[in-house]
Amino acid sequence: MKVGILSDTHDDRAMIARALQEFRQRDVNTLFHCGDLTSAEMVSHLGGFEVFFVRGNMDRHQKKALKRAIAVQAGAKWLGKGDEVELEGKRIAITHGDREAVLETLLFAEPDYLFTGHTHRRRDERLGPTRVINPGAVGGVQYEERSIGVLDLSTDELEVILL
């Protein structure tokens, strides 16, 4: 099973469309959005996918609207500031990354993967038994080329896709 990882979309509709096109080309049906959608209307752009969402620091003023939009979107799940899900026998934690306490709590549970965003910089490293992945940013301030990730849960292979 392949999952898509994206973060920090910051209302950039054109880049979200490009990211979704890349996911569809790779037969990805499940996405992890690591925060900073920035507005609730962006949720509908991710329709047609199963999507796990977490709140980013730029989503704080849209929290209620985001929760409402996600509640009515088929396949969308709200995980607050961060949580863990299990897919294909793998434990996957997700958070935006702006709250150190949430990061530490999720890492302490030693999931197989921890997906983050916030820094707008790609990251792929192992911290103990956990592989920490930040796909980089789709929108917003750019420190690196815009990017997303596709992770194959059966092979542990990560493909970084530059947008």
Protein backbone atom coordinates (compact mmCIF):
# COMPACT_ATOMS: atom_id res chain seq x y z
CA MET A 1 0.00 0.00 0.00
CA LYS A 2 1.27 3.44 -0.93
CA VAL A 3 0.36 6.51 1.11
CA GLY A 4 0.80 10.15 0.18
CA ILE A 5 2.31 12.65 2.58
CA LEU A 6 1.85 16.39 2.17
CA SER A 7 2.07 19.42 4.38
CA ASP A 8 1.93 23.19 4.55
CA THR A 9 -0.36 23.68 1.57
CA HIS A 10 -1.19 27.25 2.70
CA ASP A 11 -4.19 27.71 0.37
CA ASP A 12 -2.09 27.15 -2.76
CA ARG A 13 -4.76 25.63 -5.00
CA ALA A 14 -2.52 25.27 -8.06
CA MET A 15 0.16 23.37 -6.14
CA ILE A 16 -2.43 21.17 -4.40
CA ALA A 17 -3.81 20.26 -7.83
CA ARG A 18 -0.30 19.31 -8.99
CA ALA A 19 0.29 17.26 -5.85
CA LEU A 20 -2.99 15.39 -6.24
CA GLN A 21 -2.18 14.66 -9.88
CA GLU A 22 1.12 13.10 -8.78
CA PHE A 23 -0.65 11.00 -6.14
CA ARG A 24 -3.25 9.77 -8.65
CA GLN A 25 -0.54 8.82 -11.16
CA ARG A 26 0.98 6.59 -8.49
CA ASP A 27 -2.36 5.01 -7.46
CA VAL A 28 -2.25 6.59 -4.01
CA ASN A 29 -5.67 6.60 -2.30
CA THR A 30 -4.69 7.51 1.28
CA LEU A 31 -3.13 10.83 2.24
CA PHE A 32 -1.67 12.27 5.41
CA HIS A 33 -1.92 16.07 5.54
CA CYS A 34 0.54 17.31 8.18
CA GLY A 35 -1.15 20.64 8.85
CA ASP A 36 -1.34 24.24 7.64
CA LEU A 37 -4.20 23.95 5.20
CA THR A 38 -4.87 27.55 6.30
CA SER A 39 -8.55 27.57 5.31
CA ALA A 40 -11.41 25.12 5.62
CA GLU A 41 -12.33 25.40 1.95
CA MET A 42 -9.11 23.56 1.09
CA VAL A 43 -10.55 20.32 2.53
CA SER A 44 -12.85 19.87 -0.47
CA HIS A 45 -9.85 20.00 -2.85
CA LEU A 46 -8.70 16.70 -1.32
CA GLY A 47 -12.00 14.92 -2.02
CA GLY A 48 -11.78 11.46 -3.52
CA PHE A 49 -8.99 10.41 -1.15
CA GLU A 50 -9.00 8.98 2.34
CA VAL A 51 -7.25 11.80 4.23
CA PHE A 52 -5.95 12.06 7.78
CA PHE A 53 -5.66 15.71 8.82
CA VAL A 54 -3.87 17.38 11.73
CA ARG A 55 -3.97 21.00 12.78
CA GLY A 56 -1.03 23.25 12.00
CA ASN A 57 -0.10 26.52 13.65
CA MET A 58 -1.59 28.47 10.71
CA ASP A 59 -4.88 26.57 11.14
CA ARG A 60 -5.49 27.80 14.68
CA HIS A 61 -8.03 30.48 13.65
CA GLN A 62 -9.88 28.00 11.41
CA LYS A 63 -10.08 25.10 13.88
CA LYS A 64 -13.89 24.89 14.11
CA ALA A 65 -14.41 25.46 10.40
CA LEU A 66 -11.78 22.82 9.55
CA LYS A 67 -13.40 20.28 11.87
CA ARG A 68 -16.81 20.95 10.26
CA ALA A 69 -15.44 20.68 6.72
CA ILE A 70 -13.61 17.45 7.53
CA ALA A 71 -16.68 15.98 9.29
CA VAL A 72 -18.76 16.22 6.09
CA GLN A 73 -16.00 15.16 3.66
CA ALA A 74 -16.20 11.46 2.81
CA GLY A 75 -13.01 9.67 3.80
CA ALA A 76 -11.64 12.57 5.86
CA LYS A 77 -10.52 12.11 9.46
CA TRP A 78 -9.54 14.84 11.94
CA LEU A 79 -6.71 13.92 14.32
CA GLY A 80 -6.42 17.22 16.17
CA LYS A 81 -2.86 18.23 17.08
CA GLY A 82 -1.63 14.71 16.43
CA ASP A 83 -2.45 11.06 16.82
CA GLU A 84 -1.63 7.59 15.59
CA VAL A 85 -3.39 5.31 13.10
CA GLU A 86 -2.65 1.78 11.92
CA LEU A 87 -2.53 0.82 8.26
CA GLU A 88 -1.24 -2.42 6.76
CA GLY A 89 0.05 -3.43 10.20
CA LYS A 90 2.17 -0.25 10.49
CA ARG A 91 1.69 2.29 13.25
CA ILE A 92 1.74 5.79 11.75
CA ALA A 93 1.80 8.89 13.93
CA ILE A 94 1.13 12.32 12.46
CA THR A 95 1.48 15.86 13.79
CA HIS A 96 2.32 19.25 12.36
CA GLY A 97 5.47 19.57 14.42
CA ASP A 98 5.04 23.00 15.97
CA ARG A 99 4.29 21.58 19.42
CA GLU A 100 7.33 19.87 20.91
CA ALA A 101 5.27 18.14 23.62
CA VAL A 102 3.05 16.46 21.00
CA LEU A 103 6.10 15.35 19.01
CA GLU A 104 7.73 13.89 22.11
CA THR A 105 4.57 12.05 23.16
CA LEU A 106 4.13 10.51 19.71
CA LEU A 107 7.81 9.52 19.51
CA PHE A 108 7.70 8.03 23.00
CA ALA A 109 5.08 5.52 21.77
CA GLU A 110 7.64 4.32 19.18
CA PRO A 111 5.43 4.13 16.08
CA ASP A 112 6.87 2.76 12.85
CA TYR A 113 6.53 6.21 11.23
CA LEU A 114 6.04 9.80 12.36
CA PHE A 115 4.92 12.26 9.68
CA THR A 116 5.45 15.98 10.34
CA GLY A 117 5.40 19.33 8.59
CA HIS A 118 5.88 22.90 9.87
CA THR A 119 9.52 23.54 8.91
CA HIS A 120 8.92 23.57 5.13
CA ARG A 121 12.05 21.40 4.88
CA ARG A 122 12.23 17.76 3.87
CA ARG A 123 13.35 15.25 6.46
CA ASP A 124 13.81 11.49 6.42
CA GLU A 125 15.65 10.04 9.39
CA ARG A 126 15.39 7.32 11.96
CA LEU A 127 15.01 8.18 15.64
CA GLY A 128 15.28 4.86 17.41
CA PRO A 129 12.71 2.51 15.91
CA THR A 130 10.73 5.37 14.32
CA ARG A 131 11.24 6.74 10.84
CA VAL A 132 10.51 10.48 10.89
CA ILE A 133 9.38 11.93 7.56
CA ASN A 134 8.64 15.53 6.64
CA PRO A 135 7.63 15.79 2.96
CA GLY A 136 8.52 19.48 2.73
CA ALA A 137 5.97 22.13 1.81
CA VAL A 138 3.42 22.38 -0.98
CA GLY A 139 2.77 26.12 -0.47
CA GLY A 140 3.83 29.01 1.70
CA VAL A 141 7.38 30.26 2.26
CA GLN A 142 9.88 28.11 0.38
CA TYR A 143 13.31 27.11 1.68
CA GLU A 144 13.50 24.18 -0.74
CA GLU A 145 11.60 23.19 -3.88
CA ARG A 146 7.97 22.38 -3.19
CA SER A 147 7.55 18.68 -2.56
CA ILE A 148 5.40 15.78 -1.41
CA GLY A 149 6.17 12.19 -0.48
CA VAL A 150 4.85 8.76 -1.40
CA LEU A 151 5.66 5.98 1.04
CA ASP A 152 5.22 2.33 0.16
CA LEU A 153 4.31 0.68 3.46
CA SER A 154 5.17 -2.80 2.21
CA THR A 155 8.72 -1.95 1.03
CA ASP A 156 9.50 1.08 3.26
CA GLU A 157 10.49 2.97 0.09
CA LEU A 158 9.98 6.75 0.13
CA GLU A 159 9.67 8.67 -3.12
CA VAL A 160 10.13 12.42 -2.81
CA ILE A 161 8.35 14.24 -5.61
CA LEU A 162 9.41 17.77 -6.48
CA LEU A 163 6.55 19.92 -7.67
